[in-house]
Amino acid sequence: MKKLDYRYLVYNTVKKEYQFARICETTEKGARTILFKLIGNDARKWRFEIRKVTKNDAQKIINAIRLKHKVEKIKGYLPEFTMLEIENLINENVRRKNGQQK
């Protein structure tokens, strides 16, 4: 049987989403320590949970968080575009960089 690797990520129970793409640790204590270093005592708030996910799922979640941040940043410069349109443009740019066709 293959051993699964796990990672610990920060989940916001109020927004119902994972946050902090920089926090992806192999131990729960390590993830909590980095969360405290990033946001200080606000990490004590009940809304933040450290959740255990598989390594593959963790990478997908981190990529989704990074994409969301890119879209929000670009939306500030291009308010006439929808979030979905911006996300599609980013994904098309990534495909072109990797040499893939539609």
N, C-alpha and C. Protein backbone atom coordinates (compact mmCIF):
# COMPACT_ATOMS: atom_id res chain seq x y z
N MET A 1 0.84 -1.18 0.00
CA MET A 1 0.00 0.00 0.00
C MET A 1 0.89 1.25 0.00
N LYS A 2 0.53 2.20 -0.84
CA LYS A 2 1.32 3.42 -0.98
C LYS A 2 1.00 4.39 0.15
N LYS A 3 2.04 4.94 0.74
CA LYS A 3 1.88 5.91 1.81
C LYS A 3 1.57 7.29 1.22
N LEU A 4 0.52 7.91 1.72
CA LEU A 4 0.15 9.25 1.27
C LEU A 4 0.87 10.30 2.09
N ASP A 5 1.35 11.31 1.42
CA ASP A 5 1.93 12.45 2.12
C ASP A 5 0.82 13.47 2.37
N TYR A 6 0.88 14.09 3.52
CA TYR A 6 -0.12 15.08 3.88
C TYR A 6 0.53 16.43 4.12
N ARG A 7 -0.25 17.48 3.96
CA ARG A 7 0.17 18.84 4.24
C ARG A 7 -0.90 19.51 5.08
N TYR A 8 -0.51 20.54 5.79
CA TYR A 8 -1.44 21.30 6.63
C TYR A 8 -1.58 22.71 6.06
N LEU A 9 -2.84 23.10 5.82
CA LEU A 9 -3.15 24.41 5.27
C LEU A 9 -4.11 25.15 6.20
N VAL A 10 -4.24 26.45 6.01
CA VAL A 10 -5.12 27.27 6.84
C VAL A 10 -6.46 27.44 6.14
N TYR A 11 -7.54 27.10 6.86
CA TYR A 11 -8.90 27.22 6.35
C TYR A 11 -9.64 28.28 7.15
N ASN A 12 -10.31 29.18 6.44
CA ASN A 12 -11.12 30.22 7.08
C ASN A 12 -12.56 29.73 7.11
N THR A 13 -13.09 29.48 8.31
CA THR A 13 -14.44 28.94 8.45
C THR A 13 -15.51 29.97 8.16
N VAL A 14 -15.18 31.25 8.21
CA VAL A 14 -16.16 32.29 7.93
C VAL A 14 -16.34 32.43 6.41
N LYS A 15 -15.24 32.54 5.69
CA LYS A 15 -15.30 32.66 4.23
C LYS A 15 -15.47 31.30 3.54
N LYS A 16 -15.26 30.23 4.29
CA LYS A 16 -15.35 28.87 3.78
C LYS A 16 -14.40 28.64 2.60
N GLU A 17 -13.14 29.03 2.82
CA GLU A 17 -12.11 28.84 1.80
C GLU A 17 -10.74 28.74 2.48
N TYR A 18 -9.81 28.15 1.74
CA TYR A 18 -8.43 28.10 2.22
C TYR A 18 -7.79 29.45 1.94
N GLN A 19 -6.88 29.83 2.83
CA GLN A 19 -6.18 31.09 2.68
C GLN A 19 -4.69 30.88 2.92
N PHE A 20 -3.90 31.88 2.62
CA PHE A 20 -2.46 31.90 2.87
C PHE A 20 -1.73 30.82 2.07
N ALA A 21 -1.50 31.10 0.80
CA ALA A 21 -0.82 30.15 -0.09
C ALA A 21 0.60 29.85 0.39
N ARG A 22 1.19 30.74 1.18
CA ARG A 22 2.55 30.50 1.67
C ARG A 22 2.62 29.48 2.78
N ILE A 23 1.48 29.13 3.36
CA ILE A 23 1.47 28.17 4.47
C ILE A 23 1.07 26.80 3.94
N CYS A 24 2.04 25.94 3.80
CA CYS A 24 1.83 24.55 3.38
C CYS A 24 2.90 23.73 4.07
N GLU A 25 2.58 23.24 5.25
CA GLU A 25 3.58 22.60 6.11
C GLU A 25 3.31 21.11 6.29
N THR A 26 4.34 20.40 6.71
CA THR A 26 4.21 18.96 6.94
C THR A 26 3.68 18.65 8.33
N THR A 27 3.67 19.64 9.23
CA THR A 27 3.15 19.42 10.58
C THR A 27 2.13 20.51 10.92
N GLU A 28 1.19 20.16 11.78
CA GLU A 28 0.18 21.13 12.20
C GLU A 28 0.83 22.27 12.99
N LYS A 29 1.78 21.92 13.83
CA LYS A 29 2.46 22.93 14.64
C LYS A 29 3.23 23.91 13.75
N GLY A 30 3.87 23.40 12.71
CA GLY A 30 4.60 24.26 11.79
C GLY A 30 3.69 25.24 11.07
N ALA A 31 2.52 24.76 10.65
CA ALA A 31 1.55 25.63 9.97
C ALA A 31 1.05 26.71 10.91
N ARG A 32 0.76 26.34 12.16
CA ARG A 32 0.26 27.30 13.14
C ARG A 32 1.34 28.35 13.44
N THR A 33 2.60 27.92 13.55
CA THR A 33 3.71 28.84 13.83
C THR A 33 3.85 29.88 12.72
N ILE A 34 3.78 29.44 11.47
CA ILE A 34 3.92 30.38 10.35
C ILE A 34 2.72 31.32 10.30
N LEU A 35 1.53 30.80 10.59
CA LEU A 35 0.34 31.65 10.63
C LEU A 35 0.52 32.78 11.65
N PHE A 36 1.06 32.45 12.84
CA PHE A 36 1.31 33.47 13.85
C PHE A 36 2.34 34.48 13.38
N LYS A 37 3.38 34.01 12.68
CA LYS A 37 4.39 34.93 12.18
C LYS A 37 3.82 35.87 11.12
N LEU A 38 2.87 35.37 10.31
CA LEU A 38 2.30 36.20 9.25
C LEU A 38 1.31 37.23 9.78
N ILE A 39 0.38 36.81 10.66
CA ILE A 39 -0.70 37.72 11.04
C ILE A 39 -0.74 38.03 12.53
N GLY A 40 0.18 37.49 13.29
CA GLY A 40 0.24 37.82 14.71
C GLY A 40 -0.89 37.20 15.52
N ASN A 41 -1.36 37.91 16.54
CA ASN A 41 -2.37 37.37 17.45
C ASN A 41 -3.73 37.17 16.80
N ASP A 42 -3.95 37.72 15.62
CA ASP A 42 -5.21 37.46 14.91
C ASP A 42 -5.34 35.98 14.58
N ALA A 43 -4.25 35.24 14.61
CA ALA A 43 -4.28 33.80 14.34
C ALA A 43 -5.04 33.06 15.43
N ARG A 44 -5.22 33.67 16.57
CA ARG A 44 -5.96 33.04 17.67
C ARG A 44 -7.47 33.04 17.43
N LYS A 45 -7.92 33.82 16.47
CA LYS A 45 -9.36 33.91 16.22
C LYS A 45 -9.91 32.54 15.83
N TRP A 46 -11.12 32.30 16.22
CA TRP A 46 -11.76 31.02 16.02
C TRP A 46 -11.97 30.68 14.56
N ARG A 47 -11.93 31.68 13.67
CA ARG A 47 -12.25 31.40 12.27
C ARG A 47 -11.16 30.65 11.52
N PHE A 48 -9.94 30.64 12.03
CA PHE A 48 -8.85 29.95 11.34
C PHE A 48 -8.66 28.54 11.89
N GLU A 49 -8.70 27.57 10.98
CA GLU A 49 -8.45 26.18 11.33
C GLU A 49 -7.26 25.68 10.52
N ILE A 50 -6.47 24.82 11.12
CA ILE A 50 -5.40 24.15 10.39
C ILE A 50 -5.98 22.81 9.96
N ARG A 51 -6.02 22.59 8.64
CA ARG A 51 -6.62 21.36 8.12
C ARG A 51 -5.59 20.52 7.38
N LYS A 52 -5.75 19.22 7.54
CA LYS A 52 -4.87 18.24 6.93
C LYS A 52 -5.44 17.83 5.57
N VAL A 53 -4.62 17.94 4.51
CA VAL A 53 -5.03 17.53 3.17
C VAL A 53 -3.90 16.74 2.52
N THR A 54 -4.24 15.97 1.50
CA THR A 54 -3.19 15.21 0.80
C THR A 54 -2.28 16.18 0.05
N LYS A 55 -1.11 15.72 -0.25
CA LYS A 55 -0.11 16.56 -0.91
C LYS A 55 -0.61 17.05 -2.28
N ASN A 56 -1.25 16.16 -3.04
CA ASN A 56 -1.76 16.54 -4.37
C ASN A 56 -2.87 17.57 -4.25
N ASP A 57 -3.79 17.37 -3.31
CA ASP A 57 -4.87 18.34 -3.10
C ASP A 57 -4.32 19.67 -2.62
N ALA A 58 -3.29 19.62 -1.79
CA ALA A 58 -2.69 20.85 -1.28
C ALA A 58 -2.13 21.69 -2.43
N GLN A 59 -1.48 21.04 -3.39
CA GLN A 59 -0.92 21.78 -4.53
C GLN A 59 -2.04 22.41 -5.36
N LYS A 60 -3.14 21.70 -5.55
CA LYS A 60 -4.28 22.25 -6.30
C LYS A 60 -4.88 23.44 -5.57
N ILE A 61 -5.01 23.34 -4.26
CA ILE A 61 -5.57 24.42 -3.46
C ILE A 61 -4.67 25.65 -3.51
N ILE A 62 -3.38 25.45 -3.39
CA ILE A 62 -2.43 26.57 -3.44
C ILE A 62 -2.48 27.26 -4.80
N ASN A 63 -2.54 26.48 -5.87
CA ASN A 63 -2.63 27.08 -7.20
C ASN A 63 -3.92 27.88 -7.35
N ALA A 64 -5.03 27.39 -6.80
CA ALA A 64 -6.30 28.11 -6.86
C ALA A 64 -6.23 29.42 -6.07
N ILE A 65 -5.58 29.39 -4.91
CA ILE A 65 -5.42 30.62 -4.11
C ILE A 65 -4.60 31.65 -4.87
N ARG A 66 -3.51 31.19 -5.48
CA ARG A 66 -2.65 32.12 -6.24
C ARG A 66 -3.39 32.71 -7.44
N LEU A 67 -4.18 31.88 -8.13
CA LEU A 67 -4.97 32.36 -9.27
C LEU A 67 -5.96 33.42 -8.81
N LYS A 68 -6.62 33.16 -7.68
CA LYS A 68 -7.60 34.11 -7.16
C LYS A 68 -6.94 35.46 -6.84
N HIS A 69 -5.75 35.42 -6.26
CA HIS A 69 -5.03 36.66 -5.95
C HIS A 69 -4.65 37.41 -7.22
N LYS A 70 -4.22 36.68 -8.25
CA LYS A 70 -3.88 37.32 -9.52
C LYS A 70 -5.10 38.00 -10.13
N VAL A 71 -6.22 37.29 -10.12
CA VAL A 71 -7.45 37.83 -10.69
C VAL A 71 -7.88 39.09 -9.95
N GLU A 72 -7.84 39.06 -8.62
CA GLU A 72 -8.23 40.23 -7.82
C GLU A 72 -7.31 41.42 -8.08
N LYS A 73 -6.03 41.15 -8.24
CA LYS A 73 -5.08 42.24 -8.50
C LYS A 73 -5.33 42.87 -9.87
N ILE A 74 -5.53 42.03 -10.88
CA ILE A 74 -5.78 42.53 -12.22
C ILE A 74 -7.12 43.26 -12.28
N LYS A 75 -8.12 42.77 -11.55
CA LYS A 75 -9.44 43.40 -11.53
C LYS A 75 -9.35 44.86 -11.08
N GLY A 76 -8.39 45.15 -10.20
CA GLY A 76 -8.18 46.53 -9.77
C GLY A 76 -7.73 47.44 -10.90
N TYR A 77 -7.01 46.88 -11.87
CA TYR A 77 -6.53 47.67 -13.01
C TYR A 77 -7.52 47.68 -14.16
N LEU A 78 -8.31 46.62 -14.28
CA LEU A 78 -9.25 46.48 -15.39
C LEU A 78 -10.67 46.22 -14.87
N PRO A 79 -11.30 47.22 -14.28
CA PRO A 79 -12.61 46.99 -13.66
C PRO A 79 -13.72 46.64 -14.65
N GLU A 80 -13.52 46.93 -15.96
CA GLU A 80 -14.58 46.65 -16.93
C GLU A 80 -14.68 45.16 -17.27
N PHE A 81 -13.68 44.37 -16.91
CA PHE A 81 -13.69 42.93 -17.15
C PHE A 81 -14.29 42.21 -15.94
N THR A 82 -14.96 41.09 -16.20
CA THR A 82 -15.47 40.27 -15.10
C THR A 82 -14.34 39.40 -14.55
N MET A 83 -14.55 38.87 -13.36
CA MET A 83 -13.55 37.99 -12.75
C MET A 83 -13.32 36.76 -13.63
N LEU A 84 -14.38 36.21 -14.20
CA LEU A 84 -14.28 35.02 -15.04
C LEU A 84 -13.48 35.31 -16.31
N GLU A 85 -13.70 36.46 -16.91
CA GLU A 85 -12.94 36.83 -18.12
C GLU A 85 -11.45 36.95 -17.80
N ILE A 86 -11.14 37.57 -16.69
CA ILE A 86 -9.74 37.72 -16.29
C ILE A 86 -9.12 36.36 -16.02
N GLU A 87 -9.85 35.48 -15.33
CA GLU A 87 -9.34 34.14 -15.05
C GLU A 87 -9.08 33.37 -16.34
N ASN A 88 -9.97 33.49 -17.31
CA ASN A 88 -9.76 32.83 -18.60
C ASN A 88 -8.53 33.37 -19.32
N LEU A 89 -8.31 34.68 -19.26
CA LEU A 89 -7.12 35.27 -19.87
C LEU A 89 -5.83 34.77 -19.21
N ILE A 90 -5.85 34.66 -17.90
CA ILE A 90 -4.67 34.16 -17.18
C ILE A 90 -4.41 32.71 -17.56
N ASN A 91 -5.46 31.88 -17.59
CA ASN A 91 -5.28 30.47 -17.95
C ASN A 91 -4.78 30.32 -19.38
N GLU A 92 -5.27 31.15 -20.30
CA GLU A 92 -4.81 31.11 -21.69
C GLU A 92 -3.33 31.50 -21.77
N ASN A 93 -2.93 32.49 -20.99
CA ASN A 93 -1.53 32.90 -20.96
C ASN A 93 -0.63 31.77 -20.44
N VAL A 94 -1.08 31.06 -19.42
CA VAL A 94 -0.31 29.94 -18.88
C VAL A 94 -0.18 28.84 -19.91
N ARG A 95 -1.29 28.54 -20.63
CA ARG A 95 -1.23 27.50 -21.67
C ARG A 95 -0.24 27.88 -22.76
N ARG A 96 -0.24 29.15 -23.16
CA ARG A 96 0.69 29.60 -24.21
C ARG A 96 2.15 29.49 -23.74
N LYS A 97 2.39 29.83 -22.48
CA LYS A 97 3.75 29.72 -21.96
C LYS A 97 4.23 28.28 -21.95
N ASN A 98 3.31 27.35 -21.67
CA ASN A 98 3.67 25.94 -21.62
C ASN A 98 3.65 25.29 -23.00
N GLY A 99 3.29 26.04 -24.04
CA GLY A 99 3.29 25.52 -25.40
C GLY A 99 2.13 24.60 -25.70
N GLN A 100 1.05 24.70 -24.95
CA GLN A 100 -0.12 23.85 -25.18
C GLN A 100 -1.12 24.57 -26.04
N GLN A 101 -1.88 23.78 -26.79
CA GLN A 101 -2.97 24.32 -27.62
C GLN A 101 -4.26 24.26 -26.83
N LYS A 102 -5.26 24.97 -27.32
CA LYS A 102 -6.58 24.97 -26.67
C LYS A 102 -7.20 23.64 -26.66
